[in-house]
C-alpha cells in the first residue's frame, strides 16, 4: 500500500512537470536564431544626439551596418574610426551606419564619448541591453549587415576595419551602387587604376 502511494506521488510530480513544460512552451514566443538569412529583430533605442526614440523600422528600405558596442570596450573604440570613414565614404550613397551602445550609463555620457571622437553616424543608446538579448549577442562589439529588406546578410563578432576593400564591395553591392566599389570619391578606385 505504501509503495502504491509512492508511485502515485511520483506520477503526480512527473505529470505536473510535463504540464509546466507544455504551458511554459505555449507562453514563450518563438525563439529563432539571429543569423545571416534571418529577419533582423526590431529594436528601440535613444538617439544620443537628438533624444528621439529610434527603431529598426526607421531604417526600412536602407542598407544598414548595425553595430552593438559599449564605451568601455577597447575593440569597440578601435573600430569606430573605420566606421566613421565608411560613413563618410558610403553615407552619401545611402549606407546607414548605426552604432547602438549598451552601456549602463546615461545617454548624455554616451553622447559626450561619441562627440570626443568626432563620430557623425547614428549613435544610439539601449541602456536596458534588450538589443543584446534580441540579437543574441555574446560580446561587444558585434555587427550585423542588413540589406534593404532588413534581412541579416552578415554577422561579425569582434572589431573590423569597416572601410576595407572587402566591406566596401559588400556594401556597394547591397546598395546597388556603381559596380563593386566604384563609388564616387572612393580612394580604392585610385589604387585599382
C-alpha atoms as a PDB file:
ATOM      1  CA  UNK A   1       0.000   0.000   0.000  1.00  0.00           C
ATOM      2  CA  UNK A   2       2.850   2.389   0.880  1.00  0.00           C
ATOM      3  CA  UNK A   3       4.602   1.600  -2.406  1.00  0.00           C
ATOM      4  CA  UNK A   4       1.430   2.314  -4.339  1.00  0.00           C
ATOM      5  CA  UNK A   5       1.196   5.734  -2.660  1.00  0.00           C
ATOM      6  CA  UNK A   6       4.827   6.479  -3.557  1.00  0.00           C
ATOM      7  CA  UNK A   7       4.192   5.626  -7.228  1.00  0.00           C
ATOM      8  CA  UNK A   8       1.109   7.807  -7.279  1.00  0.00           C
ATOM      9  CA  UNK A   9       3.144  10.699  -5.819  1.00  0.00           C
ATOM     10  CA  UNK A  10       5.917  10.156  -8.414  1.00  0.00           C
ATOM     11  CA  UNK A  11       3.302  10.057 -11.193  1.00  0.00           C
ATOM     12  CA  UNK A  12       1.714  13.280  -9.970  1.00  0.00           C
ATOM     13  CA  UNK A  13       5.112  15.013  -9.817  1.00  0.00           C
ATOM     14  CA  UNK A  14       6.045  13.879 -13.341  1.00  0.00           C
ATOM     15  CA  UNK A  15       2.613  14.924 -14.616  1.00  0.00           C
ATOM     16  CA  UNK A  16       2.994  18.360 -13.016  1.00  0.00           C
ATOM     17  CA  UNK A  17       6.467  18.802 -14.569  1.00  0.00           C
ATOM     18  CA  UNK A  18       5.214  17.830 -18.032  1.00  0.00           C
ATOM     19  CA  UNK A  19       2.252  20.200 -17.661  1.00  0.00           C
ATOM     20  CA  UNK A  20       4.575  23.032 -16.570  1.00  0.00           C
ATOM     21  CA  UNK A  21       6.830  22.450 -19.578  1.00  0.00           C
ATOM     22  CA  UNK A  22       3.897  22.372 -22.003  1.00  0.00           C
ATOM     23  CA  UNK A  23       2.390  25.546 -20.500  1.00  0.00           C
ATOM     24  CA  UNK A  24       5.789  27.282 -20.493  1.00  0.00           C
ATOM     25  CA  UNK A  25       6.394  26.408 -24.137  1.00  0.00           C
ATOM     26  CA  UNK A  26       2.976  27.670 -25.166  1.00  0.00           C
ATOM     27  CA  UNK A  27       3.532  31.009 -23.387  1.00  0.00           C
ATOM     28  CA  UNK A  28       7.049  31.534 -24.743  1.00  0.00           C
ATOM     29  CA  UNK A  29       7.267  33.336 -28.096  1.00  0.00           C
ATOM     30  CA  UNK A  30       9.086  31.591 -30.907  1.00  0.00           C
ATOM     31  CA  UNK A  31      12.812  31.791 -30.341  1.00  0.00           C
ATOM     32  CA  UNK A  32      14.509  31.935 -33.692  1.00  0.00           C
ATOM     33  CA  UNK A  33      18.255  32.160 -34.171  1.00  0.00           C
ATOM     34  CA  UNK A  34      19.524  35.549 -35.278  1.00  0.00           C
ATOM     35  CA  UNK A  35      21.894  34.732 -38.122  1.00  0.00           C
ATOM     36  CA  UNK A  36      22.535  35.511 -41.773  1.00  0.00           C
ATOM     37  CA  UNK A  37      19.374  34.888 -43.749  1.00  0.00           C
ATOM     38  CA  UNK A  38      17.029  35.739 -40.877  1.00  0.00           C
ATOM     39  CA  UNK A  39      14.975  38.898 -40.469  1.00  0.00           C
ATOM     40  CA  UNK A  40      16.670  41.395 -38.148  1.00  0.00           C
ATOM     41  CA  UNK A  41      14.735  41.752 -34.875  1.00  0.00           C
ATOM     42  CA  UNK A  42      13.030  45.064 -34.185  1.00  0.00           C
ATOM     43  CA  UNK A  43      14.726  47.236 -31.579  1.00  0.00           C
ATOM     44  CA  UNK A  44      14.177  50.525 -29.810  1.00  0.00           C
ATOM     45  CA  UNK A  45      16.932  52.905 -28.698  1.00  0.00           C
ATOM     46  CA  UNK A  46      17.518  56.585 -27.987  1.00  0.00           C
ATOM     47  CA  UNK A  47      19.432  58.741 -30.461  1.00  0.00           C
ATOM     48  CA  UNK A  48      22.034  60.315 -28.153  1.00  0.00           C
ATOM     49  CA  UNK A  49      22.300  63.481 -30.275  1.00  0.00           C
ATOM     50  CA  UNK A  50      18.580  64.255 -30.520  1.00  0.00           C
ATOM     51  CA  UNK A  51      16.982  62.259 -27.699  1.00  0.00           C
ATOM     52  CA  UNK A  52      14.491  60.806 -30.185  1.00  0.00           C
ATOM     53  CA  UNK A  53      13.421  57.180 -29.931  1.00  0.00           C
ATOM     54  CA  UNK A  54      14.617  55.201 -32.933  1.00  0.00           C
ATOM     55  CA  UNK A  55      13.522  51.762 -34.114  1.00  0.00           C
ATOM     56  CA  UNK A  56      14.755  49.431 -36.823  1.00  0.00           C
ATOM     57  CA  UNK A  57      11.646  50.393 -38.815  1.00  0.00           C
ATOM     58  CA  UNK A  58      13.129  53.908 -39.146  1.00  0.00           C
ATOM     59  CA  UNK A  59      15.781  52.385 -41.438  1.00  0.00           C
ATOM     60  CA  UNK A  60      13.316  50.480 -43.615  1.00  0.00           C
ATOM     61  CA  UNK A  61      14.465  50.218 -47.223  1.00  0.00           C
ATOM     62  CA  UNK A  62      18.083  51.100 -46.392  1.00  0.00           C
ATOM     63  CA  UNK A  63      21.294  49.090 -46.200  1.00  0.00           C
ATOM     64  CA  UNK A  64      22.449  49.206 -42.577  1.00  0.00           C
ATOM     65  CA  UNK A  65      25.625  48.424 -40.675  1.00  0.00           C
ATOM     66  CA  UNK A  66      24.197  47.784 -37.181  1.00  0.00           C
ATOM     67  CA  UNK A  67      26.936  47.753 -34.547  1.00  0.00           C
ATOM     68  CA  UNK A  68      26.304  46.783 -30.909  1.00  0.00           C
ATOM     69  CA  UNK A  69      29.019  48.236 -28.667  1.00  0.00           C
ATOM     70  CA  UNK A  70      29.941  49.895 -25.349  1.00  0.00           C
ATOM     71  CA  UNK A  71      32.134  52.847 -24.369  1.00  0.00           C
ATOM     72  CA  UNK A  72      34.257  50.683 -22.039  1.00  0.00           C
ATOM     73  CA  UNK A  73      35.079  48.210 -24.843  1.00  0.00           C
ATOM     74  CA  UNK A  74      38.605  48.721 -26.261  1.00  0.00           C
ATOM     75  CA  UNK A  75      37.933  46.774 -29.513  1.00  0.00           C
ATOM     76  CA  UNK A  76      34.766  48.861 -29.996  1.00  0.00           C
ATOM     77  CA  UNK A  77      36.760  52.073 -29.736  1.00  0.00           C
ATOM     78  CA  UNK A  78      39.390  50.667 -32.094  1.00  0.00           C
ATOM     79  CA  UNK A  79      36.876  50.035 -34.887  1.00  0.00           C
ATOM     80  CA  UNK A  80      34.981  53.344 -34.580  1.00  0.00           C
ATOM     81  CA  UNK A  81      37.389  55.345 -36.816  1.00  0.00           C
ATOM     82  CA  UNK A  82      36.895  52.841 -39.669  1.00  0.00           C
ATOM     83  CA  UNK A  83      33.126  53.090 -39.190  1.00  0.00           C
ATOM     84  CA  UNK A  84      33.411  56.873 -39.421  1.00  0.00           C
ATOM     85  CA  UNK A  85      35.454  56.622 -42.634  1.00  0.00           C
ATOM     86  CA  UNK A  86      32.915  54.154 -44.065  1.00  0.00           C
ATOM     87  CA  UNK A  87      30.104  56.547 -43.145  1.00  0.00           C
ATOM     88  CA  UNK A  88      31.892  59.436 -44.859  1.00  0.00           C
ATOM     89  CA  UNK A  89      32.518  57.332 -47.961  1.00  0.00           C
ATOM     90  CA  UNK A  90      29.219  55.485 -48.388  1.00  0.00           C
ATOM     91  CA  UNK A  91      26.791  57.535 -46.295  1.00  0.00           C
ATOM     92  CA  UNK A  92      26.187  59.876 -49.252  1.00  0.00           C
ATOM     93  CA  UNK A  93      25.476  56.780 -51.384  1.00  0.00           C
ATOM     94  CA  UNK A  94      22.803  55.602 -48.897  1.00  0.00           C
ATOM     95  CA  UNK A  95      24.556  53.375 -46.349  1.00  0.00           C
ATOM     96  CA  UNK A  96      23.319  53.869 -42.786  1.00  0.00           C
ATOM     97  CA  UNK A  97      25.941  53.278 -40.101  1.00  0.00           C
ATOM     98  CA  UNK A  98      24.125  52.732 -36.794  1.00  0.00           C
ATOM     99  CA  UNK A  99      26.014  52.067 -33.549  1.00  0.00           C
ATOM    100  CA  UNK A 100      23.896  51.066 -30.548  1.00  0.00           C
ATOM    101  CA  UNK A 101      25.583  51.466 -27.172  1.00  0.00           C
ATOM    102  CA  UNK A 102      24.543  49.033 -24.452  1.00  0.00           C
ATOM    103  CA  UNK A 103      26.259  50.983 -21.675  1.00  0.00           C
ATOM    104  CA  UNK A 104      24.554  51.142 -18.279  1.00  0.00           C
ATOM    105  CA  UNK A 105      25.443  54.862 -18.097  1.00  0.00           C
ATOM    106  CA  UNK A 106      23.144  57.697 -19.130  1.00  0.00           C
ATOM    107  CA  UNK A 107      22.797  58.742 -22.773  1.00  0.00           C
ATOM    108  CA  UNK A 108      24.495  62.099 -22.128  1.00  0.00           C
ATOM    109  CA  UNK A 109      27.775  60.325 -21.316  1.00  0.00           C
ATOM    110  CA  UNK A 110      27.490  58.167 -24.442  1.00  0.00           C
ATOM    111  CA  UNK A 111      26.884  61.352 -26.480  1.00  0.00           C
ATOM    112  CA  UNK A 112      29.976  63.012 -24.959  1.00  0.00           C
ATOM    113  CA  UNK A 113      32.062  59.914 -25.740  1.00  0.00           C
ATOM    114  CA  UNK A 114      30.930  59.999 -29.387  1.00  0.00           C
ATOM    115  CA  UNK A 115      31.494  63.755 -29.717  1.00  0.00           C
ATOM    116  CA  UNK A 116      35.028  63.474 -28.303  1.00  0.00           C
ATOM    117  CA  UNK A 117      35.784  61.085 -31.168  1.00  0.00           C
ATOM    118  CA  UNK A 118      34.039  63.209 -33.834  1.00  0.00           C
ATOM    119  CA  UNK A 119      31.607  60.444 -34.769  1.00  0.00           C
ATOM    120  CA  UNK A 120      28.878  61.692 -37.091  1.00  0.00           C
ATOM    121  CA  UNK A 121      26.961  58.498 -37.903  1.00  0.00           C
ATOM    122  CA  UNK A 122      23.897  57.438 -35.889  1.00  0.00           C
ATOM    123  CA  UNK A 123      24.836  56.784 -32.258  1.00  0.00           C
ATOM    124  CA  UNK A 124      22.001  55.172 -30.328  1.00  0.00           C
ATOM    125  CA  UNK A 125      21.728  54.044 -26.710  1.00  0.00           C
ATOM    126  CA  UNK A 126      19.878  50.958 -25.463  1.00  0.00           C
ATOM    127  CA  UNK A 127      20.604  51.230 -21.748  1.00  0.00           C
ATOM    128  CA  UNK A 128      18.431  48.214 -20.878  1.00  0.00           C
ATOM    129  CA  UNK A 129      20.595  45.990 -23.065  1.00  0.00           C
ATOM    130  CA  UNK A 130      17.498  44.399 -24.569  1.00  0.00           C
ATOM    131  CA  UNK A 131      19.046  44.620 -28.038  1.00  0.00           C
ATOM    132  CA  UNK A 132      21.756  42.223 -26.840  1.00  0.00           C
ATOM    133  CA  UNK A 133      19.108  39.631 -25.940  1.00  0.00           C
ATOM    134  CA  UNK A 134      17.044  40.218 -29.064  1.00  0.00           C
ATOM    135  CA  UNK A 135      20.096  39.942 -31.351  1.00  0.00           C
ATOM    136  CA  UNK A 136      21.517  37.062 -29.273  1.00  0.00           C
ATOM    137  CA  UNK A 137      24.943  38.683 -28.961  1.00  0.00           C
ATOM    138  CA  UNK A 138      27.686  37.048 -26.947  1.00  0.00           C
ATOM    139  CA  UNK A 139      30.025  40.034 -26.543  1.00  0.00           C
ATOM    140  CA  UNK A 140      30.720  43.517 -27.832  1.00  0.00           C
ATOM    141  CA  UNK A 141      31.324  44.544 -30.496  1.00  0.00           C
ATOM    142  CA  UNK A 142      29.023  42.512 -32.685  1.00  0.00           C
ATOM    143  CA  UNK A 143      27.889  43.864 -36.013  1.00  0.00           C
ATOM    144  CA  UNK A 144      25.070  42.935 -38.355  1.00  0.00           C
ATOM    145  CA  UNK A 145      24.929  43.923 -42.018  1.00  0.00           C
ATOM    146  CA  UNK A 146      21.301  44.311 -43.103  1.00  0.00           C
ATOM    147  CA  UNK A 147      20.007  44.501 -46.651  1.00  0.00           C
ATOM    148  CA  UNK A 148      17.208  46.819 -47.778  1.00  0.00           C
ATOM    149  CA  UNK A 149      14.602  44.260 -46.660  1.00  0.00           C
ATOM    150  CA  UNK A 150      16.001  44.088 -43.120  1.00  0.00           C
ATOM    151  CA  UNK A 151      17.487  40.640 -43.664  1.00  0.00           C
ATOM    152  CA  UNK A 152      20.807  39.897 -41.969  1.00  0.00           C
ATOM    153  CA  UNK A 153      23.442  39.375 -44.649  1.00  0.00           C
ATOM    154  CA  UNK A 154      26.459  39.027 -42.355  1.00  0.00           C
ATOM    155  CA  UNK A 155      27.157  38.835 -38.645  1.00  0.00           C
ATOM    156  CA  UNK A 156      30.628  39.829 -37.461  1.00  0.00           C
ATOM    157  CA  UNK A 157      31.943  39.238 -33.957  1.00  0.00           C
ATOM    158  CA  UNK A 158      34.806  41.472 -32.768  1.00  0.00           C
ATOM    159  CA  UNK A 159      36.288  44.631 -34.261  1.00  0.00           C
ATOM    160  CA  UNK A 160      36.729  45.047 -38.022  1.00  0.00           C
ATOM    161  CA  UNK A 161      38.215  47.552 -40.443  1.00  0.00           C
ATOM    162  CA  UNK A 162      34.878  48.559 -41.916  1.00  0.00           C
ATOM    163  CA  UNK A 163      36.353  50.692 -44.681  1.00  0.00           C
ATOM    164  CA  UNK A 164      38.431  47.820 -46.095  1.00  0.00           C
ATOM    165  CA  UNK A 165      38.026  46.911 -49.747  1.00  0.00           C
ATOM    166  CA  UNK A 166      36.094  43.738 -48.890  1.00  0.00           C
ATOM    167  CA  UNK A 167      33.413  45.547 -46.865  1.00  0.00           C
ATOM    168  CA  UNK A 168      33.139  48.410 -49.338  1.00  0.00           C
ATOM    169  CA  UNK A 169      32.406  45.849 -52.067  1.00  0.00           C
ATOM    170  CA  UNK A 170      29.788  44.148 -49.888  1.00  0.00           C
ATOM    171  CA  UNK A 171      28.029  47.429 -49.116  1.00  0.00           C
ATOM    172  CA  UNK A 172      28.128  48.811 -52.660  1.00  0.00           C
ATOM    173  CA  UNK A 173      26.720  45.531 -53.974  1.00  0.00           C
ATOM    174  CA  UNK A 174      23.903  45.632 -51.407  1.00  0.00           C
ATOM    175  CA  UNK A 175      23.138  49.271 -52.185  1.00  0.00           C
ATOM    176  CA  UNK A 176      23.129  48.574 -55.906  1.00  0.00           C
ATOM    177  CA  UNK A 177      25.731  51.333 -56.288  1.00  0.00           C
ATOM    178  CA  UNK A 178      28.162  51.543 -59.122  1.00  0.00           C
ATOM    179  CA  UNK A 179      29.993  48.316 -59.834  1.00  0.00           C
ATOM    180  CA  UNK A 180      31.961  46.736 -56.960  1.00  0.00           C
ATOM    181  CA  UNK A 181      33.388  49.621 -55.047  1.00  0.00           C
ATOM    182  CA  UNK A 182      33.322  52.181 -57.839  1.00  0.00           C
ATOM    183  CA  UNK A 183      31.749  54.766 -55.546  1.00  0.00           C
ATOM    184  CA  UNK A 184      32.434  58.421 -56.274  1.00  0.00           C
ATOM    185  CA  UNK A 185      35.294  59.637 -54.092  1.00  0.00           C
ATOM    186  CA  UNK A 186      36.335  56.084 -53.186  1.00  0.00           C
ATOM    187  CA  UNK A 187      40.088  56.038 -52.532  1.00  0.00           C
ATOM    188  CA  UNK A 188      40.099  52.387 -53.604  1.00  0.00           C
ATOM    189  CA  UNK A 189      39.352  53.473 -57.170  1.00  0.00           C
ATOM    190  CA  UNK A 190      42.680  55.274 -57.353  1.00  0.00           C
ATOM    191  CA  UNK A 191      44.530  52.177 -56.086  1.00  0.00           C
ATOM    192  CA  UNK A 192      42.881  49.994 -58.714  1.00  0.00           C
ATOM    193  CA  UNK A 193      43.922  52.151 -61.695  1.00  0.00           C
END
